[in-house]
Amino acid sequence: MSLVSHPPESHTHIDETSQRGFFASFFHLPRNVYLLLFFTLGKGLQLTIATLTVNYYAYSPGYHPDFIGLFSAMPALDALASAIPIGMLAEPTLYLSRRFLFVFRLHI
């Protein structure tokens, strides 16, 4: 007869199922969702590395940080400036009504 008491077998079984349930709670979505999240993470890392490389490349000849900031903001400013004309070209049937609304909003 042993003086040390052993935990019942059902107790360890509950711990294993609760751990499995804990990890399964993170991975309950379809596989394509996780592929999309993984792709988005990879694309974000790729763009970050590319931006840092361009910034260091612009810094190496001796450009000042204010010019480098303006230089790295150019793609965003270009997208902002080209979004409205591209939107107007995308839906030519609504162009006149949109132009009227745009001019009307400017005069308010």
C-alpha atoms as a PDB file:
ATOM      1  CA  MET A   1       0.000   0.000   0.000  1.00  0.00           C
ATOM      2  CA  SER A   2       1.380   3.362  -1.063  1.00  0.00           C
ATOM      3  CA  LEU A   3       1.330   6.437   1.169  1.00  0.00           C
ATOM      4  CA  VAL A   4       1.339   8.787  -1.840  1.00  0.00           C
ATOM      5  CA  SER A   5      -2.069   9.392  -3.342  1.00  0.00           C
ATOM      6  CA  HIS A   6      -2.312   9.390  -7.128  1.00  0.00           C
ATOM      7  CA  PRO A   7      -4.694  11.725  -8.968  1.00  0.00           C
ATOM      8  CA  PRO A   8      -7.546  10.008 -10.719  1.00  0.00           C
ATOM      9  CA  GLU A   9      -7.095   9.220 -14.418  1.00  0.00           C
ATOM     10  CA  SER A  10     -10.035  11.394 -15.466  1.00  0.00           C
ATOM     11  CA  HIS A  11      -8.232  14.489 -14.127  1.00  0.00           C
ATOM     12  CA  THR A  12      -5.344  14.143 -16.613  1.00  0.00           C
ATOM     13  CA  HIS A  13      -7.836  13.421 -19.396  1.00  0.00           C
ATOM     14  CA  ILE A  14      -9.631  16.712 -18.647  1.00  0.00           C
ATOM     15  CA  ASP A  15      -6.346  18.623 -18.756  1.00  0.00           C
ATOM     16  CA  GLU A  16      -5.486  17.191 -22.189  1.00  0.00           C
ATOM     17  CA  THR A  17      -8.888  18.004 -23.647  1.00  0.00           C
ATOM     18  CA  SER A  18      -8.851  21.507 -22.204  1.00  0.00           C
ATOM     19  CA  GLN A  19      -5.418  22.155 -23.753  1.00  0.00           C
ATOM     20  CA  ARG A  20      -6.635  20.802 -27.081  1.00  0.00           C
ATOM     21  CA  GLY A  21      -9.696  23.028 -26.828  1.00  0.00           C
ATOM     22  CA  PHE A  22      -7.500  26.014 -25.988  1.00  0.00           C
ATOM     23  CA  PHE A  23      -5.422  25.619 -29.156  1.00  0.00           C
ATOM     24  CA  ALA A  24      -8.434  24.688 -31.251  1.00  0.00           C
ATOM     25  CA  SER A  25     -10.093  27.949 -30.244  1.00  0.00           C
ATOM     26  CA  PHE A  26      -7.395  29.838 -32.176  1.00  0.00           C
ATOM     27  CA  PHE A  27      -7.707  27.748 -35.325  1.00  0.00           C
ATOM     28  CA  HIS A  28     -11.437  27.472 -35.824  1.00  0.00           C
ATOM     29  CA  LEU A  29     -11.618  29.368 -39.135  1.00  0.00           C
ATOM     30  CA  PRO A  30     -11.250  27.774 -42.592  1.00  0.00           C
ATOM     31  CA  ARG A  31      -7.797  27.174 -44.044  1.00  0.00           C
ATOM     32  CA  ASN A  32      -8.153  29.920 -46.682  1.00  0.00           C
ATOM     33  CA  VAL A  33      -8.570  32.544 -43.953  1.00  0.00           C
ATOM     34  CA  TYR A  34      -5.229  31.612 -42.432  1.00  0.00           C
ATOM     35  CA  LEU A  35      -3.594  31.575 -45.872  1.00  0.00           C
ATOM     36  CA  LEU A  36      -4.876  35.096 -46.465  1.00  0.00           C
ATOM     37  CA  LEU A  37      -3.589  36.263 -43.076  1.00  0.00           C
ATOM     38  CA  PHE A  38      -0.207  34.651 -43.725  1.00  0.00           C
ATOM     39  CA  PHE A  39      -0.014  36.284 -47.174  1.00  0.00           C
ATOM     40  CA  THR A  40      -0.937  39.668 -45.681  1.00  0.00           C
ATOM     41  CA  LEU A  41       1.760  39.311 -43.036  1.00  0.00           C
ATOM     42  CA  GLY A  42       4.336  38.404 -45.679  1.00  0.00           C
ATOM     43  CA  LYS A  43       3.302  41.260 -47.951  1.00  0.00           C
ATOM     44  CA  GLY A  44       3.525  43.726 -45.066  1.00  0.00           C
ATOM     45  CA  LEU A  45       7.025  42.544 -44.229  1.00  0.00           C
ATOM     46  CA  GLN A  46       8.008  42.782 -47.882  1.00  0.00           C
ATOM     47  CA  LEU A  47       6.753  46.360 -48.198  1.00  0.00           C
ATOM     48  CA  THR A  48       8.434  47.355 -44.938  1.00  0.00           C
ATOM     49  CA  ILE A  49      11.779  45.969 -46.076  1.00  0.00           C
ATOM     50  CA  ALA A  50      11.414  47.698 -49.468  1.00  0.00           C
ATOM     51  CA  THR A  51      10.565  51.046 -47.826  1.00  0.00           C
ATOM     52  CA  LEU A  52      13.521  50.823 -45.459  1.00  0.00           C
ATOM     53  CA  THR A  53      15.833  49.896 -48.324  1.00  0.00           C
ATOM     54  CA  VAL A  54      14.716  52.893 -50.397  1.00  0.00           C
ATOM     55  CA  ASN A  55      15.068  55.210 -47.399  1.00  0.00           C
ATOM     56  CA  TYR A  56      18.592  53.988 -46.667  1.00  0.00           C
ATOM     57  CA  TYR A  57      19.445  54.232 -50.365  1.00  0.00           C
ATOM     58  CA  ALA A  58      18.299  57.867 -50.390  1.00  0.00           C
ATOM     59  CA  TYR A  59      20.212  58.540 -47.172  1.00  0.00           C
ATOM     60  CA  SER A  60      23.501  57.080 -48.437  1.00  0.00           C
ATOM     61  CA  PRO A  61      24.315  59.925 -50.920  1.00  0.00           C
ATOM     62  CA  GLY A  62      23.703  62.468 -48.166  1.00  0.00           C
ATOM     63  CA  TYR A  63      20.120  63.639 -48.627  1.00  0.00           C
ATOM     64  CA  HIS A  64      18.533  65.260 -45.578  1.00  0.00           C
ATOM     65  CA  PRO A  65      15.836  63.463 -43.570  1.00  0.00           C
ATOM     66  CA  ASP A  66      13.152  65.993 -44.578  1.00  0.00           C
ATOM     67  CA  PHE A  67      13.722  65.210 -48.260  1.00  0.00           C
ATOM     68  CA  ILE A  68      13.721  61.477 -47.520  1.00  0.00           C
ATOM     69  CA  GLY A  69      10.362  61.863 -45.760  1.00  0.00           C
ATOM     70  CA  LEU A  70       8.939  63.701 -48.755  1.00  0.00           C
ATOM     71  CA  PHE A  71      10.489  61.143 -51.093  1.00  0.00           C
ATOM     72  CA  SER A  72       8.918  58.228 -49.239  1.00  0.00           C
ATOM     73  CA  ALA A  73       5.523  60.012 -49.122  1.00  0.00           C
ATOM     74  CA  MET A  74       5.383  60.438 -52.914  1.00  0.00           C
ATOM     75  CA  PRO A  75       3.644  57.092 -53.659  1.00  0.00           C
ATOM     76  CA  ALA A  76       0.853  57.935 -51.207  1.00  0.00           C
ATOM     77  CA  LEU A  77       0.476  61.442 -52.641  1.00  0.00           C
ATOM     78  CA  ASP A  78       0.436  60.021 -56.160  1.00  0.00           C
ATOM     79  CA  ALA A  79      -2.326  57.572 -55.206  1.00  0.00           C
ATOM     80  CA  LEU A  80      -4.288  60.415 -53.623  1.00  0.00           C
ATOM     81  CA  ALA A  81      -3.944  62.623 -56.700  1.00  0.00           C
ATOM     82  CA  SER A  82      -4.827  59.877 -59.172  1.00  0.00           C
ATOM     83  CA  ALA A  83      -7.753  58.312 -57.271  1.00  0.00           C
ATOM     84  CA  ILE A  84     -10.313  60.936 -58.284  1.00  0.00           C
ATOM     85  CA  PRO A  85      -9.594  60.900 -62.050  1.00  0.00           C
ATOM     86  CA  ILE A  86      -9.488  57.099 -62.091  1.00  0.00           C
ATOM     87  CA  GLY A  87     -12.788  57.012 -60.211  1.00  0.00           C
ATOM     88  CA  MET A  88     -14.287  59.352 -62.783  1.00  0.00           C
ATOM     89  CA  LEU A  89     -13.078  57.131 -65.607  1.00  0.00           C
ATOM     90  CA  ALA A  90     -14.371  53.986 -63.916  1.00  0.00           C
ATOM     91  CA  GLU A  91     -18.015  55.036 -64.027  1.00  0.00           C
ATOM     92  CA  PRO A  92     -18.605  57.368 -66.957  1.00  0.00           C
ATOM     93  CA  THR A  93     -22.384  57.128 -66.641  1.00  0.00           C
ATOM     94  CA  LEU A  94     -22.355  58.812 -63.245  1.00  0.00           C
ATOM     95  CA  TYR A  95     -19.692  61.375 -64.102  1.00  0.00           C
ATOM     96  CA  LEU A  96     -22.061  64.325 -64.631  1.00  0.00           C
ATOM     97  CA  SER A  97     -24.004  63.746 -61.429  1.00  0.00           C
ATOM     98  CA  ARG A  98     -20.792  63.337 -59.452  1.00  0.00           C
ATOM     99  CA  ARG A  99     -19.347  66.498 -60.969  1.00  0.00           C
ATOM    100  CA  PHE A 100     -22.477  68.405 -60.039  1.00  0.00           C
ATOM    101  CA  LEU A 101     -22.300  67.123 -56.461  1.00  0.00           C
ATOM    102  CA  PHE A 102     -18.576  67.885 -56.237  1.00  0.00           C
ATOM    103  CA  VAL A 103     -19.060  71.484 -57.475  1.00  0.00           C
ATOM    104  CA  PHE A 104     -22.099  71.917 -55.217  1.00  0.00           C
ATOM    105  CA  ARG A 105     -20.091  70.795 -52.171  1.00  0.00           C
ATOM    106  CA  LEU A 106     -17.284  73.203 -52.962  1.00  0.00           C
ATOM    107  CA  HIS A 107     -19.646  76.197 -52.963  1.00  0.00           C
ATOM    108  CA  ILE A 108     -21.241  75.435 -49.592  1.00  0.00           C
END
